[in-house]
Each structure stands twice: as structure tokens, then as C-alpha cells.
C-alpha atoms as a PDB file:
ATOM      1  CA  MET A   1     -47.781  18.703  21.846  1.00  0.00           C
ATOM      2  CA  SER A   2     -44.312  18.766  23.579  1.00  0.00           C
ATOM      3  CA  GLU A   3     -45.052  15.423  24.991  1.00  0.00           C
ATOM      4  CA  GLN A   4     -45.475  14.264  21.423  1.00  0.00           C
ATOM      5  CA  ILE A   5     -42.390  15.625  20.275  1.00  0.00           C
ATOM      6  CA  ALA A   6     -40.606  14.302  23.250  1.00  0.00           C
ATOM      7  CA  GLY A   7     -41.951  10.815  22.538  1.00  0.00           C
ATOM      8  CA  GLU A   8     -41.150  10.619  18.640  1.00  0.00           C
ATOM      9  CA  ARG A   9     -37.487  11.733  19.645  1.00  0.00           C
ATOM     10  CA  ALA A  10     -37.353   8.927  22.122  1.00  0.00           C
ATOM     11  CA  ALA A  11     -38.865   6.590  19.613  1.00  0.00           C
ATOM     12  CA  VAL A  12     -35.988   7.392  16.917  1.00  0.00           C
ATOM     13  CA  ALA A  13     -33.107   7.876  19.656  1.00  0.00           C
ATOM     14  CA  PRO A  14     -31.006   4.873  20.040  1.00  0.00           C
ATOM     15  CA  ALA A  15     -31.649   2.762  23.358  1.00  0.00           C
ATOM     16  CA  SER A  16     -29.015   2.893  25.817  1.00  0.00           C
ATOM     17  CA  ALA A  17     -28.350   0.439  28.994  1.00  0.00           C
ATOM     18  CA  GLN A  18     -25.909   0.451  31.857  1.00  0.00           C
ATOM     19  CA  VAL A  19     -22.840  -2.230  31.721  1.00  0.00           C
ATOM     20  CA  GLY A  20     -20.361  -1.867  34.600  1.00  0.00           C
ATOM     21  CA  GLY A  21     -21.716   1.856  35.410  1.00  0.00           C
ATOM     22  CA  ARG A  22     -21.430   3.071  32.244  1.00  0.00           C
ATOM     23  CA  ALA A  23     -23.908   4.021  29.494  1.00  0.00           C
ATOM     24  CA  VAL A  24     -23.746   1.690  26.264  1.00  0.00           C
ATOM     25  CA  LEU A  25     -25.706   2.195  23.169  1.00  0.00           C
ATOM     26  CA  LEU A  26     -27.561  -1.111  22.163  1.00  0.00           C
ATOM     27  CA  VAL A  27     -27.530  -2.217  18.710  1.00  0.00           C
ATOM     28  CA  PRO A  28     -31.097  -3.590  18.128  1.00  0.00           C
ATOM     29  CA  HIS A  29     -31.803  -6.842  16.346  1.00  0.00           C
ATOM     30  CA  ARG A  30     -33.023  -6.465  12.784  1.00  0.00           C
ATOM     31  CA  GLY A  31     -36.759  -6.862  12.382  1.00  0.00           C
ATOM     32  CA  ASP A  32     -39.930  -6.002  10.713  1.00  0.00           C
ATOM     33  CA  SER A  33     -40.646  -3.257  13.112  1.00  0.00           C
ATOM     34  CA  VAL A  34     -37.103  -1.879  13.792  1.00  0.00           C
ATOM     35  CA  ASP A  35     -35.403   0.475  10.991  1.00  0.00           C
ATOM     36  CA  GLU A  36     -32.174   1.991  10.484  1.00  0.00           C
ATOM     37  CA  ALA A  37     -33.167   4.803  12.588  1.00  0.00           C
ATOM     38  CA  ALA A  38     -32.989   2.689  15.753  1.00  0.00           C
ATOM     39  CA  LEU A  39     -29.217   2.199  15.055  1.00  0.00           C
ATOM     40  CA  PRO A  40     -26.499   4.499  16.642  1.00  0.00           C
ATOM     41  CA  GLY A  41     -24.964   7.078  14.093  1.00  0.00           C
ATOM     42  CA  ASP A  42     -21.926   5.421  13.513  1.00  0.00           C
ATOM     43  CA  TYR A  43     -23.547   1.896  12.869  1.00  0.00           C
ATOM     44  CA  ARG A  44     -25.856   3.862  10.459  1.00  0.00           C
ATOM     45  CA  ARG A  45     -22.778   5.142   8.734  1.00  0.00           C
ATOM     46  CA  ILE A  46     -20.972   1.653   8.658  1.00  0.00           C
ATOM     47  CA  LEU A  47     -24.331   0.020   7.177  1.00  0.00           C
ATOM     48  CA  ALA A  48     -24.611   2.578   4.286  1.00  0.00           C
ATOM     49  CA  ILE A  49     -20.642   2.226   3.236  1.00  0.00           C
ATOM     50  CA  VAL A  50     -21.180  -1.357   3.383  1.00  0.00           C
ATOM     51  CA  ARG A  51     -24.663  -1.173   0.924  1.00  0.00           C
ATOM     52  CA  ALA A  52     -22.809   1.791  -1.229  1.00  0.00           C
ATOM     53  CA  ALA A  53     -19.866  -1.092  -1.963  1.00  0.00           C
ATOM     54  CA  GLY A  54     -22.384  -3.025  -3.700  1.00  0.00           C
ATOM     55  CA  GLY A  55     -20.519  -6.458  -3.228  1.00  0.00           C
ATOM     56  CA  PRO A  56     -18.372  -7.949  -0.508  1.00  0.00           C
ATOM     57  CA  VAL A  57     -16.263  -5.360   1.313  1.00  0.00           C
ATOM     58  CA  GLN A  58     -13.267  -5.917   3.824  1.00  0.00           C
ATOM     59  CA  VAL A  59     -13.135  -4.213   7.072  1.00  0.00           C
ATOM     60  CA  ARG A  60     -10.025  -2.312   5.626  1.00  0.00           C
ATOM     61  CA  ALA A  61     -12.268  -0.779   3.070  1.00  0.00           C
ATOM     62  CA  VAL A  62     -14.933   0.492   5.273  1.00  0.00           C
ATOM     63  CA  GLY A  63     -11.939   1.827   7.643  1.00  0.00           C
ATOM     64  CA  GLU A  64     -10.628   3.867   4.598  1.00  0.00           C
ATOM     65  CA  GLU A  65     -13.980   5.396   3.750  1.00  0.00           C
ATOM     66  CA  LEU A  66     -14.403   6.357   7.396  1.00  0.00           C
ATOM     67  CA  GLY A  67     -11.125   8.097   7.423  1.00  0.00           C
ATOM     68  CA  LEU A  68      -9.369   5.768  10.016  1.00  0.00           C
ATOM     69  CA  GLN A  69      -5.620   4.956  10.032  1.00  0.00           C
ATOM     70  CA  VAL A  70      -6.006   1.515   8.317  1.00  0.00           C
ATOM     71  CA  GLU A  71      -2.231   0.969   8.649  1.00  0.00           C
ATOM     72  CA  VAL A  72      -2.639   0.567  12.146  1.00  0.00           C
ATOM     73  CA  ARG A  73      -4.188  -2.594  13.039  1.00  0.00           C
ATOM     74  CA  GLY A  74      -5.731  -1.259  16.792  1.00  0.00           C
ATOM     75  CA  LYS A  75      -7.595   0.987  14.780  1.00  0.00           C
ATOM     76  CA  LEU A  76      -9.668  -1.521  12.872  1.00  0.00           C
ATOM     77  CA  GLU A  77     -10.094  -3.831  15.417  1.00  0.00           C
ATOM     78  CA  PRO A  78     -13.116  -1.804  16.892  1.00  0.00           C
ATOM     79  CA  LEU A  79     -14.500  -1.336  13.690  1.00  0.00           C
ATOM     80  CA  ARG A  80     -14.430  -5.241  13.049  1.00  0.00           C
ATOM     81  CA  ALA A  81     -16.199  -5.488  16.386  1.00  0.00           C
ATOM     82  CA  LYS A  82     -19.141  -3.164  15.037  1.00  0.00           C
ATOM     83  CA  LEU A  83     -19.387  -5.022  11.728  1.00  0.00           C
ATOM     84  CA  VAL A  84     -19.654  -8.452  13.556  1.00  0.00           C
ATOM     85  CA  LYS A  85     -22.090  -6.882  15.749  1.00  0.00           C
ATOM     86  CA  LEU A  86     -24.189  -5.800  13.166  1.00  0.00           C
ATOM     87  CA  ALA A  87     -23.896  -9.305  11.475  1.00  0.00           C
ATOM     88  CA  ASP A  88     -24.801 -10.970  14.789  1.00  0.00           C
ATOM     89  CA  ARG A  89     -27.979  -8.902  15.001  1.00  0.00           C
ATOM     90  CA  GLY A  90     -29.037  -9.263  11.276  1.00  0.00           C
ATOM     91  CA  TRP A  91     -28.125  -6.063   9.287  1.00  0.00           C
ATOM     92  CA  LEU A  92     -24.881  -7.656   7.912  1.00  0.00           C
ATOM     93  CA  HIS A  93     -24.215 -11.048   6.502  1.00  0.00           C
ATOM     94  CA  LYS A  94     -20.524 -12.043   7.600  1.00  0.00           C
ATOM     95  CA  ARG A  95     -19.042 -14.289   4.751  1.00  0.00           C
ATOM     96  CA  GLY A  96     -16.663 -17.255   5.212  1.00  0.00           C
ATOM     97  CA  ASP A  97     -13.832 -15.208   4.030  1.00  0.00           C
ATOM     98  CA  GLY A  98     -14.276 -12.430   6.702  1.00  0.00           C
ATOM     99  CA  LYS A  99     -16.060  -9.850   4.379  1.00  0.00           C
ATOM    100  CA  PHE A 100     -19.162  -8.130   4.801  1.00  0.00           C
ATOM    101  CA  THR A 101     -22.084  -7.615   2.567  1.00  0.00           C
ATOM    102  CA  ALA A 102     -25.462  -5.942   3.086  1.00  0.00           C
ATOM    103  CA  ARG A 103     -28.754  -7.988   3.886  1.00  0.00           C
ATOM    104  CA  LEU A 104     -31.568  -7.417   1.369  1.00  0.00           C
END
């Protein structure tokens, strides 16, 4: 029974890899067999904020929802990188004007 529970937890836990000797969390490509549970927690929160917006959203608006100091550019750039990573992997859509929308 404990083996089954461990297997289920491993299936839900985000995958990690070693890059430069450090463990990093992998953001999987969106597909038919991959759901949001495969995303790390902060990426799931970002995805939920973009979906709740109901339309195109700027990085600054997502940062405000997360409680970041949006006046400080250095606080928004890591968030922008996460949004771009979600867009590159098919979870979000990045528009030409730099705003992000949720994929259906």
C-alpha cells in the first residue's frame, strides 16, 4: 500500500533535474496526458491568475495579484520569465503586445 501511495505522489509531484549542480523544477509541455498538477505550485498560481483575468493580462497585473513589489523592475523580470516559459510550453499564449492569455 505504501508503494502505491509513493507512486501516486511521484506522479503528481513536479519533475526536477540537475542544472549546473543545482536542482531545478521542470515545467512540462502541455499535452493530452499532462494536467496542471504536473506544474510547480508557483506556476499553477500564475496560470490561475491569468485564467481568472478573463482576458489579456500584463505581467504587472499578475505581479500585483501575487503581492510583488511591481514598482521594482527587478521583481517583475523573474515573473515575466515564468510567464514566457508557460507560453513556450503551451500553457499560456503570449500576444504581440506582450500580454498573456490562457489557452483553452
